[in-house]
Amino acid sequence: MCILLLPFLPESPRWLIYQDRESEAMKVLAQVISNGDEDHPLVLAEHREITHTMAFEKGAGKQLTFTEMFKSRSARWRVSLVVSSGLATVIVGE
């Protein structure tokens, strides 16, 4: 069912901003937050927050790699928590 609905879902605003498609990101945010009003304060604030976060991440110049998730003990603990909660949800059937 999810795969059938996938073509009808809008792109992620974060991905659109990362791809330098600002106007499309603003339209998606407006659709999701304020029924299409691009001048709504929440839409503008969310767009600004995503833009600043993306600029910070690009400026840092460091990306998370797969191996970094297992380098430290605390990172391995976080990964195990995520995996175990996913497995528990599937086992219970929720």
N, C-alpha and C. Protein backbone atom coordinates (compact mmCIF):
# COMPACT_ATOMS: atom_id res chain seq x y z
N MET A 1 0.83 -1.19 0.00
CA MET A 1 0.00 0.00 0.00
C MET A 1 0.88 1.26 0.00
N CYS A 2 1.93 1.24 0.80
CA CYS A 2 2.82 2.40 0.87
C CYS A 2 3.49 2.66 -0.48
N ILE A 3 3.90 1.61 -1.17
CA ILE A 3 4.55 1.79 -2.46
C ILE A 3 3.58 2.36 -3.48
N LEU A 4 2.30 2.01 -3.39
CA LEU A 4 1.31 2.56 -4.30
C LEU A 4 1.09 4.05 -4.06
N LEU A 5 1.21 4.49 -2.82
CA LEU A 5 1.00 5.90 -2.49
C LEU A 5 2.24 6.76 -2.72
N LEU A 6 3.38 6.15 -2.84
CA LEU A 6 4.65 6.87 -2.96
C LEU A 6 4.68 7.91 -4.08
N PRO A 7 4.18 7.63 -5.28
CA PRO A 7 4.23 8.66 -6.34
C PRO A 7 3.41 9.91 -6.03
N PHE A 8 2.47 9.80 -5.11
CA PHE A 8 1.59 10.94 -4.80
C PHE A 8 2.09 11.78 -3.63
N LEU A 9 3.15 11.35 -2.98
CA LEU A 9 3.71 12.09 -1.85
C LEU A 9 4.67 13.16 -2.35
N PRO A 10 4.70 14.32 -1.71
CA PRO A 10 5.65 15.36 -2.13
C PRO A 10 7.07 14.99 -1.71
N GLU A 11 8.03 15.58 -2.40
CA GLU A 11 9.43 15.39 -2.04
C GLU A 11 9.68 16.01 -0.67
N SER A 12 10.74 15.57 -0.02
CA SER A 12 11.12 16.12 1.27
C SER A 12 11.65 17.54 1.08
N PRO A 13 11.17 18.52 1.86
CA PRO A 13 11.69 19.88 1.73
C PRO A 13 13.19 19.94 2.00
N ARG A 14 13.67 19.14 2.92
CA ARG A 14 15.10 19.12 3.22
C ARG A 14 15.90 18.66 2.00
N TRP A 15 15.43 17.62 1.33
CA TRP A 15 16.11 17.13 0.13
C TRP A 15 16.05 18.16 -0.99
N LEU A 16 14.90 18.81 -1.13
CA LEU A 16 14.77 19.83 -2.17
C LEU A 16 15.73 21.00 -1.93
N ILE A 17 15.86 21.42 -0.70
CA ILE A 17 16.79 22.51 -0.38
C ILE A 17 18.23 22.06 -0.61
N TYR A 18 18.53 20.82 -0.28
CA TYR A 18 19.87 20.28 -0.51
C TYR A 18 20.19 20.26 -2.00
N GLN A 19 19.17 20.06 -2.84
CA GLN A 19 19.35 20.04 -4.29
C GLN A 19 19.21 21.43 -4.91
N ASP A 20 19.19 22.49 -4.09
CA ASP A 20 19.04 23.89 -4.53
C ASP A 20 17.74 24.13 -5.29
N ARG A 21 16.67 23.51 -4.83
CA ARG A 21 15.33 23.71 -5.41
C ARG A 21 14.47 24.39 -4.35
N GLU A 22 14.86 25.63 -4.02
CA GLU A 22 14.26 26.38 -2.92
C GLU A 22 12.76 26.63 -3.11
N SER A 23 12.35 27.03 -4.31
CA SER A 23 10.94 27.37 -4.53
C SER A 23 10.05 26.14 -4.37
N GLU A 24 10.51 25.00 -4.84
CA GLU A 24 9.73 23.77 -4.67
C GLU A 24 9.64 23.38 -3.20
N ALA A 25 10.72 23.58 -2.48
CA ALA A 25 10.72 23.28 -1.05
C ALA A 25 9.73 24.17 -0.31
N MET A 26 9.69 25.44 -0.70
CA MET A 26 8.76 26.37 -0.07
C MET A 26 7.31 25.96 -0.36
N LYS A 27 7.03 25.50 -1.57
CA LYS A 27 5.67 25.06 -1.91
C LYS A 27 5.27 23.83 -1.10
N VAL A 28 6.20 22.89 -0.94
CA VAL A 28 5.89 21.68 -0.17
C VAL A 28 5.66 22.04 1.29
N LEU A 29 6.50 22.89 1.85
CA LEU A 29 6.31 23.31 3.24
C LEU A 29 4.97 24.01 3.41
N ALA A 30 4.61 24.85 2.46
CA ALA A 30 3.34 25.57 2.54
C ALA A 30 2.16 24.60 2.46
N GLN A 31 2.27 23.58 1.62
CA GLN A 31 1.19 22.59 1.51
C GLN A 31 1.03 21.81 2.82
N VAL A 32 2.13 21.44 3.40
CA VAL A 32 2.09 20.60 4.60
C VAL A 32 1.68 21.40 5.84
N ILE A 33 2.19 22.62 5.96
CA ILE A 33 1.99 23.38 7.19
C ILE A 33 0.76 24.27 7.15
N SER A 34 0.54 24.97 6.02
CA SER A 34 -0.48 26.03 6.05
C SER A 34 -1.44 26.01 4.87
N ASN A 35 -1.71 24.86 4.31
CA ASN A 35 -2.65 24.74 3.18
C ASN A 35 -2.28 25.62 2.00
N GLY A 36 -1.00 25.78 1.72
CA GLY A 36 -0.54 26.47 0.53
C GLY A 36 -0.13 27.92 0.72
N ASP A 37 -0.25 28.47 1.92
CA ASP A 37 0.12 29.86 2.17
C ASP A 37 1.62 29.96 2.42
N GLU A 38 2.36 30.42 1.40
CA GLU A 38 3.82 30.48 1.52
C GLU A 38 4.31 31.62 2.42
N ASP A 39 3.43 32.55 2.77
CA ASP A 39 3.81 33.67 3.62
C ASP A 39 3.48 33.44 5.09
N HIS A 40 3.01 32.27 5.41
CA HIS A 40 2.67 31.94 6.80
C HIS A 40 3.96 31.94 7.63
N PRO A 41 3.93 32.50 8.85
CA PRO A 41 5.14 32.59 9.67
C PRO A 41 5.78 31.23 9.98
N LEU A 42 4.98 30.19 10.17
CA LEU A 42 5.56 28.88 10.45
C LEU A 42 6.29 28.31 9.23
N VAL A 43 5.75 28.56 8.05
CA VAL A 43 6.40 28.11 6.82
C VAL A 43 7.74 28.81 6.65
N LEU A 44 7.75 30.12 6.85
CA LEU A 44 8.99 30.89 6.72
C LEU A 44 10.02 30.47 7.76
N ALA A 45 9.57 30.22 8.98
CA ALA A 45 10.50 29.82 10.04
C ALA A 45 11.08 28.43 9.75
N GLU A 46 10.24 27.52 9.31
CA GLU A 46 10.72 26.16 9.00
C GLU A 46 11.70 26.18 7.83
N HIS A 47 11.38 26.97 6.81
CA HIS A 47 12.28 27.09 5.66
C HIS A 47 13.63 27.68 6.08
N ARG A 48 13.58 28.70 6.91
CA ARG A 48 14.81 29.33 7.39
C ARG A 48 15.63 28.34 8.23
N GLU A 49 14.97 27.58 9.07
CA GLU A 49 15.67 26.61 9.91
C GLU A 49 16.34 25.52 9.06
N ILE A 50 15.63 25.00 8.09
CA ILE A 50 16.21 23.97 7.22
C ILE A 50 17.38 24.54 6.43
N THR A 51 17.22 25.76 5.91
CA THR A 51 18.29 26.39 5.12
C THR A 51 19.54 26.61 5.97
N HIS A 52 19.36 27.09 7.19
CA HIS A 52 20.51 27.31 8.07
C HIS A 52 21.18 26.00 8.45
N THR A 53 20.39 24.98 8.72
CA THR A 53 20.95 23.68 9.06
C THR A 53 21.74 23.10 7.90
N MET A 54 21.20 23.21 6.69
CA MET A 54 21.90 22.70 5.51
C MET A 54 23.20 23.48 5.27
N ALA A 55 23.16 24.78 5.45
CA ALA A 55 24.37 25.59 5.27
C ALA A 55 25.43 25.20 6.30
N PHE A 56 25.01 24.97 7.54
CA PHE A 56 25.94 24.55 8.58
C PHE A 56 26.56 23.19 8.25
N GLU A 57 25.72 22.25 7.80
CA GLU A 57 26.23 20.92 7.48
C GLU A 57 27.18 20.95 6.29
N LYS A 58 26.87 21.77 5.29
CA LYS A 58 27.78 21.88 4.14
C LYS A 58 29.08 22.56 4.54
N GLY A 59 28.99 23.54 5.44
CA GLY A 59 30.17 24.26 5.89
C GLY A 59 31.08 23.42 6.77
N ALA A 60 30.50 22.47 7.49
CA ALA A 60 31.30 21.61 8.35
C ALA A 60 32.20 20.70 7.52
N GLY A 61 31.75 20.35 6.33
CA GLY A 61 32.55 19.55 5.43
C GLY A 61 32.73 18.10 5.82
N LYS A 62 32.01 17.65 6.82
CA LYS A 62 32.14 16.27 7.28
C LYS A 62 30.79 15.58 7.14
N GLN A 63 30.81 14.41 6.55
CA GLN A 63 29.59 13.64 6.41
C GLN A 63 29.70 12.35 7.21
N LEU A 64 28.57 11.90 7.70
CA LEU A 64 28.54 10.67 8.46
C LEU A 64 28.72 9.49 7.53
N THR A 65 29.66 8.64 7.85
CA THR A 65 29.86 7.43 7.07
C THR A 65 29.30 6.24 7.83
N PHE A 66 29.14 5.14 7.14
CA PHE A 66 28.60 3.94 7.75
C PHE A 66 29.50 3.44 8.87
N THR A 67 30.80 3.51 8.67
CA THR A 67 31.73 3.00 9.68
C THR A 67 31.74 3.85 10.95
N GLU A 68 31.40 5.13 10.84
CA GLU A 68 31.38 6.00 12.03
C GLU A 68 30.28 5.61 13.00
N MET A 69 29.26 4.92 12.51
CA MET A 69 28.18 4.49 13.39
C MET A 69 28.64 3.42 14.37
N PHE A 70 29.79 2.79 14.11
CA PHE A 70 30.25 1.70 14.95
C PHE A 70 31.61 1.96 15.57
N LYS A 71 32.16 3.16 15.42
CA LYS A 71 33.50 3.45 15.94
C LYS A 71 33.55 3.51 17.45
N SER A 72 32.61 4.20 18.05
CA SER A 72 32.67 4.37 19.50
C SER A 72 31.60 3.51 20.18
N ARG A 73 31.81 3.30 21.45
CA ARG A 73 30.86 2.49 22.23
C ARG A 73 29.48 3.15 22.28
N SER A 74 29.46 4.48 22.47
CA SER A 74 28.17 5.17 22.55
C SER A 74 27.43 5.13 21.22
N ALA A 75 28.15 5.21 20.11
CA ALA A 75 27.51 5.12 18.79
C ALA A 75 26.92 3.73 18.58
N ARG A 76 27.67 2.70 18.97
CA ARG A 76 27.15 1.33 18.84
C ARG A 76 25.91 1.14 19.71
N TRP A 77 25.89 1.75 20.88
CA TRP A 77 24.74 1.66 21.78
C TRP A 77 23.52 2.30 21.13
N ARG A 78 23.70 3.47 20.53
CA ARG A 78 22.58 4.15 19.87
C ARG A 78 22.04 3.32 18.71
N VAL A 79 22.94 2.74 17.92
CA VAL A 79 22.50 1.91 16.80
C VAL A 79 21.74 0.69 17.31
N SER A 80 22.22 0.08 18.37
CA SER A 80 21.54 -1.10 18.91
C SER A 80 20.16 -0.74 19.46
N LEU A 81 20.01 0.44 20.05
CA LEU A 81 18.70 0.88 20.53
C LEU A 81 17.72 1.06 19.38
N VAL A 82 18.18 1.67 18.31
CA VAL A 82 17.32 1.90 17.15
C VAL A 82 16.90 0.57 16.53
N VAL A 83 17.85 -0.31 16.35
CA VAL A 83 17.55 -1.61 15.73
C VAL A 83 16.63 -2.43 16.62
N SER A 84 16.89 -2.45 17.92
CA SER A 84 16.06 -3.25 18.82
C SER A 84 14.63 -2.68 18.92
N SER A 85 14.47 -1.37 18.90
CA SER A 85 13.11 -0.82 18.95
C SER A 85 12.37 -1.14 17.67
N GLY A 86 13.06 -1.11 16.53
CA GLY A 86 12.41 -1.51 15.27
C GLY A 86 12.00 -2.96 15.27
N LEU A 87 12.88 -3.82 15.75
CA LEU A 87 12.56 -5.24 15.82
C LEU A 87 11.42 -5.51 16.78
N ALA A 88 11.42 -4.84 17.92
CA ALA A 88 10.35 -5.03 18.89
C ALA A 88 9.00 -4.62 18.30
N THR A 89 8.99 -3.54 17.54
CA THR A 89 7.75 -3.08 16.91
C THR A 89 7.25 -4.10 15.90
N VAL A 90 8.15 -4.66 15.12
CA VAL A 90 7.76 -5.65 14.12
C VAL A 90 7.27 -6.93 14.78
N ILE A 91 7.94 -7.36 15.83
CA ILE A 91 7.55 -8.59 16.50
C ILE A 91 6.16 -8.45 17.12
N VAL A 92 5.88 -7.30 17.72
CA VAL A 92 4.58 -7.09 18.36
C VAL A 92 3.49 -6.96 17.31
N GLY A 93 3.84 -6.45 16.14
CA GLY A 93 2.86 -6.32 15.07
C GLY A 93 2.21 -4.96 15.00
N GLU A 94 2.80 -3.96 15.57
CA GLU A 94 2.26 -2.61 15.55
C GLU A 94 2.72 -1.87 14.34
